Amino acid sequence: MGIFGRKPNIKELVAKKDVPRLIKALKNKDEDWLFRYVTAEALGPIGDARAVEPLIQALKDEVSLVRSGAAGALGSIGDVRAVEPLIQALKDEDEGVRWHAADALGRIGDAAAVEPLINALKDKEADVQHKVAEALGRIGDAAAVEPLMQALKDEDEVRRRAAVEALRLIGKPALGPLIKTLKDEDKLVRSGAAEALGWIGKPALESLIKALKDEEKGVRCEAAIALGRIKDAAAVESLLKALKDEDEGVRYNVTTALEWIGDVRAVEPLIQALRDKDNYVRHNAAIALGELGDARAVEPLLQALKDEDEYVRSGAADALGLTKDASAVGHLIEALKDEDEGVRSGAAGALGRIGDARAIASLIEALEDEDEYVRYYAGEALEKIKKGR
């Protein structure tokens, strides 16, 4: 008879959008809790306002999963009648119910939920805190900015990350406070502010350029990647200076930012970065040069294909594929014999992007490589060359 015995077929009722019968099933306390839970969840996607009151009642069900399902469904329906009951559900003894209640309030987006959600930022469970912060970000009320700024100072990393995400979602109302926070005495707060500002965009450009000179490397790292997200060429000169930062993490993020911005002024400095003492920076510089696609980078990338570090060699192979320069074909064929499988697979992929028939014989040999990824990319490359011809 199945887990539900002779009960209504929920899939059938949903397909027919038979809301009255679904509501009846939800209210039937004689049914087992799993049936009520499935019914509650099924009512959400239908979006029928007739289900709101029954679902509000289900927020008081004795089984926590039913209460969670009801909260989720109310969030899907988006009716403001559910706001106050969901606010009450933020105090539920079960963390799953509180999580779903916060999520639902964020989706409904009613300003009446802002203050209760601010209070819920202190929830003892990290997952709930994160969802509460996200809900505040979705609602986008400026009243949430200050409490979220305070959350940036929390010792718990999860709360800080949640606050950054929420401030990002709130956007421009958070701009002024975040810029001020770039001068906070706490390095973690400054880092969080820099990250959030990168998502807000161009209005934060000048402040982030200044943050590239922060005494704390973590702040400089976040400022660099934030400038890359903004993709404004006005940041290029400052990023090029930061390419000489003493910290390898900053230099790594700068190469990424320059790749995202895509300004040709970065070509020569990135070529210099192929000689950086840190292998991760050299790898990232190679990828950035490949994405920029400037012919000046081909010869330096061919040299990087002989780097002592396999990670750099694989990055150079990938980058040469991105340039699609036919002069790299012979060198990439040779790289198919590299001792490192990552380099060999990168070379195979690059040869596929370039699409030169001279590579066919060597790629056929690579189909017998001991490494499955090399074999896969060799096969893919052969298909690309075949289609190109």
Protein backbone atom coordinates (compact mmCIF):
# COMPACT_ATOMS: atom_id res chain seq x y z
CA MET A 1 0.00 0.00 0.00
CA GLY A 2 3.04 2.30 0.30
CA ILE A 3 4.04 4.69 3.00
CA PHE A 4 0.81 6.67 2.75
CA GLY A 5 -1.59 3.76 2.50
CA ARG A 6 -4.78 4.71 0.66
CA LYS A 7 -4.17 8.39 0.73
CA PRO A 8 -4.72 10.93 -2.04
CA ASN A 9 -1.99 10.94 -4.67
CA ILE A 10 -0.15 14.23 -4.02
CA LYS A 11 1.39 14.34 -7.50
CA GLU A 12 -2.05 13.99 -9.02
CA LEU A 13 -3.50 16.73 -6.83
CA VAL A 14 -0.60 19.05 -7.64
CA ALA A 15 -0.91 18.34 -11.38
CA LYS A 16 -4.61 19.22 -11.17
CA LYS A 17 -3.88 22.15 -8.83
CA ASP A 18 -6.59 20.75 -6.59
CA VAL A 19 -5.93 23.18 -3.76
CA PRO A 20 -9.09 22.37 -1.71
CA ARG A 21 -8.17 18.68 -1.46
CA LEU A 22 -4.54 19.50 -0.66
CA ILE A 23 -5.69 21.83 2.11
CA LYS A 24 -7.97 19.12 3.44
CA ALA A 25 -5.05 16.69 3.47
CA LEU A 26 -2.86 19.23 5.28
CA LYS A 27 -5.47 19.72 8.01
CA ASN A 28 -6.07 16.01 8.56
CA LYS A 29 -4.21 15.30 11.80
CA ASP A 30 -5.13 11.64 11.52
CA GLU A 31 -2.63 11.35 8.68
CA ASP A 32 1.03 10.65 9.48
CA TRP A 33 3.37 13.65 9.71
CA LEU A 34 5.29 12.79 6.52
CA PHE A 35 2.11 13.11 4.49
CA ARG A 36 1.39 16.52 6.03
CA TYR A 37 4.94 17.61 5.29
CA VAL A 38 4.77 16.58 1.62
CA THR A 39 1.37 18.27 1.29
CA ALA A 40 2.66 21.53 2.82
CA GLU A 41 5.63 21.60 0.47
CA ALA A 42 3.40 20.86 -2.52
CA LEU A 43 1.19 23.89 -1.85
CA GLY A 44 4.05 26.39 -2.20
CA PRO A 45 4.78 26.12 -5.95
CA ILE A 46 1.05 26.27 -6.79
CA GLY A 47 0.97 29.77 -5.26
CA ASP A 48 -2.74 29.81 -4.43
CA ALA A 49 -3.73 32.34 -1.76
CA ARG A 50 -6.37 29.96 -0.41
CA ALA A 51 -3.56 27.92 1.12
CA VAL A 52 -2.15 30.77 3.20
CA GLU A 53 -4.31 30.42 6.32
CA PRO A 54 -4.04 26.60 6.46
CA LEU A 55 -0.28 26.88 6.08
CA ILE A 56 -0.14 29.48 8.85
CA GLN A 57 -1.95 26.97 11.05
CA ALA A 58 0.58 24.33 10.01
CA LEU A 59 3.33 26.54 11.47
CA LYS A 60 2.05 25.25 14.83
CA ASP A 61 2.20 21.55 13.87
CA GLU A 62 3.76 19.31 16.52
CA VAL A 63 6.32 18.01 13.99
CA SER A 64 9.16 20.38 13.12
CA LEU A 65 9.50 19.19 9.51
CA VAL A 66 5.84 20.03 8.86
CA ARG A 67 6.43 23.48 10.30
CA SER A 68 9.49 23.89 8.07
CA GLY A 69 7.53 22.78 5.00
CA ALA A 70 4.75 25.24 5.82
CA ALA A 71 7.24 28.11 6.24
CA GLY A 72 8.87 27.30 2.91
CA ALA A 73 5.50 27.16 1.17
CA LEU A 74 4.45 30.51 2.62
CA GLY A 75 7.66 32.03 1.29
CA SER A 76 6.85 30.67 -2.17
CA ILE A 77 3.32 32.07 -2.11
CA GLY A 78 4.57 35.46 -0.88
CA ASP A 79 1.39 36.65 0.84
CA VAL A 80 1.93 39.38 3.47
CA ARG A 81 -0.60 37.69 5.79
CA ALA A 82 2.17 35.23 6.56
CA VAL A 83 4.67 37.85 7.75
CA GLU A 84 3.66 38.02 11.42
CA PRO A 85 3.31 34.23 11.86
CA LEU A 86 6.70 33.76 10.19
CA ILE A 87 8.20 36.36 12.52
CA GLN A 88 6.95 34.24 15.40
CA ALA A 89 8.49 31.20 13.75
CA LEU A 90 11.90 32.89 14.00
CA LYS A 91 11.72 31.89 17.68
CA ASP A 92 10.84 28.24 17.01
CA GLU A 93 12.77 25.69 19.05
CA ASP A 94 13.87 23.93 15.86
CA GLU A 95 16.70 25.50 13.84
CA GLY A 96 15.30 24.17 10.55
CA VAL A 97 12.02 25.98 11.13
CA ARG A 98 13.85 29.19 12.00
CA TRP A 99 15.97 28.84 8.83
CA HIS A 100 12.91 28.38 6.61
CA ALA A 101 11.06 31.21 8.35
CA ALA A 102 13.96 33.60 7.71
CA ASP A 103 14.18 32.49 4.09
CA ALA A 104 10.44 32.98 3.63
CA LEU A 105 10.53 36.47 5.14
CA GLY A 106 13.35 37.40 2.78
CA ARG A 107 11.36 36.20 -0.21
CA ILE A 108 8.20 38.02 0.86
CA GLY A 109 10.29 41.17 1.33
CA ASP A 110 8.05 43.04 3.77
CA ALA A 111 9.73 45.81 5.79
CA ALA A 112 7.84 44.71 8.93
CA ALA A 113 10.24 41.77 9.14
CA VAL A 114 13.40 43.89 9.28
CA GLU A 115 13.59 44.48 13.04
CA PRO A 116 12.75 40.88 13.99
CA LEU A 117 15.35 39.65 11.50
CA ILE A 118 17.92 42.03 12.96
CA ASN A 119 17.25 40.49 16.37
CA ALA A 120 17.56 37.02 14.82
CA LEU A 121 21.10 37.84 13.67
CA LYS A 122 22.08 36.64 17.16
CA ASP A 123 20.64 33.16 16.60
CA LYS A 124 22.83 30.49 18.17
CA GLU A 125 23.02 28.48 14.94
CA ALA A 126 25.41 29.64 12.21
CA ASP A 127 23.21 28.42 9.34
CA VAL A 128 20.27 30.39 10.67
CA GLN A 129 22.42 33.50 11.10
CA HIS A 130 23.50 33.24 7.48
CA LYS A 131 19.94 32.87 6.22
CA VAL A 132 18.75 35.78 8.38
CA ALA A 133 21.48 38.03 6.97
CA GLU A 134 20.58 36.95 3.45
CA ALA A 135 16.93 37.76 4.14
CA LEU A 136 17.87 41.24 5.33
CA GLY A 137 19.90 41.71 2.18
CA ARG A 138 16.97 40.65 0.01
CA ILE A 139 14.61 43.07 1.73
CA GLY A 140 17.21 45.77 1.20
CA ASP A 141 16.12 48.10 4.00
CA ALA A 142 18.75 50.65 5.03
CA ALA A 143 17.80 50.06 8.68
CA ALA A 144 19.65 46.75 8.47
CA VAL A 145 22.96 48.32 7.45
CA GLU A 146 24.20 49.33 10.90
CA PRO A 147 23.44 45.98 12.59
CA LEU A 148 25.11 44.19 9.70
CA MET A 149 28.13 46.45 10.03
CA GLN A 150 28.32 45.37 13.67
CA ALA A 151 28.17 41.76 12.53
CA LEU A 152 31.33 42.40 10.50
CA LYS A 153 33.11 42.68 13.86
CA ASP A 154 31.90 39.32 15.12
CA GLU A 155 34.56 36.78 16.05
CA ASP A 156 32.61 34.10 14.23
CA GLU A 157 33.62 33.91 10.57
CA VAL A 158 30.20 32.62 9.49
CA ARG A 159 28.47 35.71 10.85
CA ARG A 160 31.00 37.97 9.17
CA ARG A 161 30.56 36.20 5.84
CA ALA A 162 26.79 36.43 6.17
CA ALA A 163 27.01 40.15 6.88
CA VAL A 164 29.19 40.72 3.81
CA GLU A 165 26.67 38.87 1.64
CA ALA A 166 23.76 40.85 3.07
CA LEU A 167 25.49 44.20 2.61
CA ARG A 168 26.28 43.21 -0.96
CA LEU A 169 22.60 42.54 -1.59
CA ILE A 170 21.51 45.80 0.04
CA GLY A 171 23.88 47.64 -2.29
CA LYS A 172 24.03 51.43 -2.48
CA PRO A 173 22.41 52.17 0.92
CA ALA A 174 25.40 50.35 2.43
CA LEU A 175 27.99 52.25 0.38
CA GLY A 176 28.75 55.12 2.77
CA PRO A 177 29.02 52.99 5.92
CA LEU A 178 31.18 50.42 4.14
CA ILE A 179 33.58 53.07 2.88
CA LYS A 180 33.91 54.39 6.44
CA THR A 181 34.54 50.86 7.65
CA LEU A 182 37.60 50.63 5.41
CA LYS A 183 39.27 52.66 8.17
CA ASP A 184 38.11 50.38 10.99
CA GLU A 185 40.86 49.27 13.39
CA ASP A 186 39.89 45.62 12.90
CA LYS A 187 41.57 44.09 9.83
CA LEU A 188 38.80 41.50 9.38
CA VAL A 189 36.18 44.24 9.28
CA ARG A 190 38.18 46.15 6.68
CA SER A 191 38.56 43.00 4.58
CA GLY A 192 34.84 42.30 4.74
CA ALA A 193 34.03 45.86 3.79
CA ALA A 194 36.39 45.73 0.80
CA GLU A 195 34.78 42.53 -0.43
CA ALA A 196 31.26 43.91 -0.12
CA LEU A 197 32.25 47.13 -1.89
CA GLY A 198 33.48 45.15 -4.87
CA TRP A 199 29.96 43.84 -5.39
CA ILE A 200 28.43 47.31 -5.07
CA GLY A 201 30.50 48.53 -8.00
CA LYS A 202 31.91 51.75 -9.44
CA PRO A 203 30.87 54.14 -6.65
CA ALA A 204 33.37 52.27 -4.45
CA LEU A 205 36.25 52.47 -6.94
CA GLU A 206 38.28 55.27 -5.37
CA SER A 207 38.01 53.87 -1.86
CA LEU A 208 39.12 50.44 -2.99
CA ILE A 209 42.10 51.87 -4.85
CA LYS A 210 43.17 53.48 -1.57
CA ALA A 211 42.65 50.15 0.20
CA LEU A 212 45.33 48.63 -2.03
CA LYS A 213 47.79 50.39 0.28
CA ASP A 214 46.29 49.11 3.53
CA GLU A 215 48.86 47.87 6.06
CA GLU A 216 47.08 44.51 6.29
CA LYS A 217 47.67 42.08 3.42
CA GLY A 218 44.19 40.55 3.76
CA VAL A 219 42.60 43.93 3.10
CA ARG A 220 44.85 44.50 0.10
CA CYS A 221 43.90 41.06 -1.22
CA GLU A 222 40.18 41.81 -0.99
CA ALA A 223 40.61 45.28 -2.47
CA ALA A 224 42.44 43.86 -5.48
CA ILE A 225 39.82 41.23 -6.28
CA ALA A 226 37.03 43.76 -5.64
CA LEU A 227 38.55 46.11 -8.21
CA GLY A 228 38.66 43.21 -10.64
CA ARG A 229 34.93 42.64 -10.14
CA ILE A 230 34.19 46.29 -10.89
CA LYS A 231 36.13 45.97 -14.18
CA ASP A 232 36.90 49.66 -14.50
CA ALA A 233 40.07 50.55 -16.43
CA ALA A 234 40.62 53.46 -14.02
CA ALA A 235 41.98 50.92 -11.52
CA VAL A 236 44.62 49.47 -13.84
CA GLU A 237 47.55 51.76 -12.96
CA SER A 238 47.04 51.19 -9.23
CA LEU A 239 46.75 47.45 -9.75
CA LEU A 240 49.96 47.42 -11.78
CA LYS A 241 51.76 49.02 -8.83
CA ALA A 242 50.21 46.42 -6.54
CA LEU A 243 51.63 43.70 -8.80
CA LYS A 244 54.89 44.39 -6.92
CA ASP A 245 53.30 43.97 -3.48
CA GLU A 246 55.45 42.11 -0.94
CA ASP A 247 52.69 39.57 -0.34
CA GLU A 248 52.17 36.78 -2.87
CA GLY A 249 48.45 36.56 -2.10
CA VAL A 250 48.00 40.19 -3.09
CA ARG A 251 50.02 39.70 -6.27
CA TYR A 252 47.94 36.63 -7.11
CA ASN A 253 44.67 38.55 -6.74
CA VAL A 254 46.07 41.44 -8.76
CA THR A 255 46.78 39.13 -11.70
CA THR A 256 43.18 37.89 -11.50
CA ALA A 257 41.85 41.44 -11.36
CA LEU A 258 43.92 42.46 -14.39
CA GLU A 259 42.60 39.45 -16.28
CA TRP A 260 38.99 40.41 -15.50
CA ILE A 261 39.50 44.05 -16.50
CA GLY A 262 41.20 43.04 -19.75
CA ASP A 263 43.27 46.16 -20.36
CA VAL A 264 46.31 45.72 -22.67
CA ARG A 265 48.39 47.99 -20.43
CA ALA A 266 48.73 44.93 -18.21
CA VAL A 267 50.47 42.78 -20.84
CA GLU A 268 54.11 43.77 -20.20
CA PRO A 269 53.78 43.79 -16.38
CA LEU A 270 52.11 40.36 -16.52
CA ILE A 271 54.96 39.10 -18.70
CA GLN A 272 57.29 40.26 -15.94
CA ALA A 273 55.09 38.43 -13.42
CA LEU A 274 55.86 35.18 -15.24
CA ARG A 275 59.18 35.41 -13.38
CA ASP A 276 57.57 35.97 -9.96
CA LYS A 277 59.12 33.89 -7.17
CA ASP A 278 55.71 32.42 -6.31
CA ASN A 279 54.51 29.63 -8.59
CA TYR A 280 50.82 30.47 -8.07
CA VAL A 281 51.42 34.05 -9.18
CA ARG A 282 53.32 32.82 -12.25
CA HIS A 283 50.48 30.44 -13.10
CA ASN A 284 47.84 33.14 -12.74
CA ALA A 285 49.89 35.62 -14.75
CA ALA A 286 50.05 33.07 -17.57
CA ILE A 287 46.28 32.57 -17.56
CA ALA A 288 45.71 36.32 -17.51
CA LEU A 289 48.00 36.75 -20.53
CA GLY A 290 46.12 34.03 -22.36
CA GLU A 291 42.81 35.74 -21.73
CA LEU A 292 44.21 39.08 -22.91
CA GLY A 293 45.19 37.39 -26.17
CA ASP A 294 48.02 39.76 -27.02
CA ALA A 295 50.67 38.44 -29.44
CA ARG A 296 53.44 39.89 -27.25
CA ALA A 297 52.69 37.20 -24.67
CA VAL A 298 53.24 34.17 -26.92
CA GLU A 299 57.04 33.93 -26.69
CA PRO A 300 57.12 34.48 -22.88
CA LEU A 301 54.39 31.85 -22.49
CA LEU A 302 56.45 29.41 -24.55
CA GLN A 303 59.29 30.01 -22.10
CA ALA A 304 56.89 29.44 -19.18
CA LEU A 305 56.04 26.09 -20.73
CA LYS A 306 59.52 25.05 -19.52
CA ASP A 307 59.09 26.40 -15.98
CA GLU A 308 60.45 24.20 -13.18
CA ASP A 309 56.99 24.09 -11.59
CA GLU A 310 54.34 21.84 -13.18
CA TYR A 311 51.50 24.14 -12.10
CA VAL A 312 53.07 27.01 -14.03
CA ARG A 313 53.68 24.79 -17.07
CA SER A 314 50.03 23.71 -17.10
CA GLY A 315 48.93 27.35 -16.84
CA ALA A 316 51.20 28.28 -19.73
CA ALA A 317 49.74 25.45 -21.83
CA ASP A 318 46.18 26.62 -21.09
CA ALA A 319 47.14 30.20 -21.89
CA LEU A 320 48.72 29.30 -25.21
CA GLY A 321 45.50 27.57 -26.14
CA LEU A 322 43.61 30.75 -25.32
CA THR A 323 45.88 32.79 -27.64
CA LYS A 324 45.16 30.29 -30.46
CA ASP A 325 48.57 31.12 -31.90
CA ALA A 326 49.69 28.44 -34.36
CA SER A 327 53.36 29.02 -33.54
CA ALA A 328 52.74 27.26 -30.22
CA VAL A 329 51.65 23.96 -31.80
CA GLY A 330 55.09 22.30 -31.90
CA HIS A 331 55.84 23.26 -28.30
CA LEU A 332 52.46 22.00 -27.11
CA ILE A 333 52.99 18.70 -28.95
CA GLU A 334 56.24 18.36 -27.02
CA ALA A 335 54.36 19.19 -23.79
CA LEU A 336 52.15 16.14 -24.43
CA LYS A 337 55.17 14.16 -23.17
CA ASP A 338 55.61 16.18 -19.98
CA GLU A 339 56.11 14.12 -16.80
CA ASP A 340 53.11 15.83 -15.19
CA GLU A 341 49.60 14.76 -16.21
CA GLY A 342 48.22 18.25 -15.58
CA VAL A 343 50.62 19.70 -18.13
CA ARG A 344 49.81 16.96 -20.63
CA SER A 345 46.05 17.46 -20.29
CA GLY A 346 46.51 21.26 -20.55
CA ALA A 347 48.56 20.81 -23.70
CA ALA A 348 45.93 18.52 -25.23
CA GLY A 349 43.16 21.02 -24.46
CA ALA A 350 45.24 23.86 -25.92
CA LEU A 351 45.87 21.97 -29.12
CA GLY A 352 42.14 21.45 -29.46
CA ARG A 353 41.49 25.17 -29.13
CA ILE A 354 44.13 26.03 -31.73
CA GLY A 355 42.73 23.38 -34.06
CA ASP A 356 45.87 22.71 -36.10
CA ALA A 357 45.94 19.39 -37.97
CA ARG A 358 49.67 19.00 -37.26
CA ALA A 359 48.71 17.85 -33.77
CA ILE A 360 46.52 14.93 -34.89
CA ALA A 361 49.14 12.17 -34.78
CA SER A 362 50.42 13.18 -31.35
CA LEU A 363 46.89 13.52 -29.98
CA ILE A 364 46.05 10.02 -31.24
CA GLU A 365 49.08 8.75 -29.29
CA ALA A 366 47.81 10.65 -26.23
CA LEU A 367 44.61 8.60 -26.38
CA GLU A 368 46.75 5.82 -24.85
CA ASP A 369 48.04 8.03 -22.01
CA GLU A 370 47.99 6.45 -18.53
CA ASP A 371 45.97 9.38 -17.19
CA GLU A 372 42.23 9.46 -17.90
CA TYR A 373 42.07 13.27 -18.08
CA VAL A 374 44.81 13.40 -20.68
CA ARG A 375 42.94 10.78 -22.71
CA TYR A 376 39.71 12.75 -22.36
CA TYR A 377 41.19 16.08 -23.48
CA ALA A 378 43.07 14.42 -26.32
CA GLY A 379 39.83 12.92 -27.59
CA GLU A 380 38.03 16.23 -27.23
CA ALA A 381 40.84 18.00 -29.08
CA LEU A 382 40.67 15.54 -31.95
CA GLU A 383 36.92 16.14 -32.25
CA LYS A 384 37.48 19.91 -32.39
CA ILE A 385 40.13 19.59 -35.07
CA LYS A 386 37.89 17.26 -37.06
CA LYS A 387 34.98 19.71 -36.90
CA GLY A 388 37.28 22.58 -37.83
CA ARG A 389 38.43 20.79 -40.95
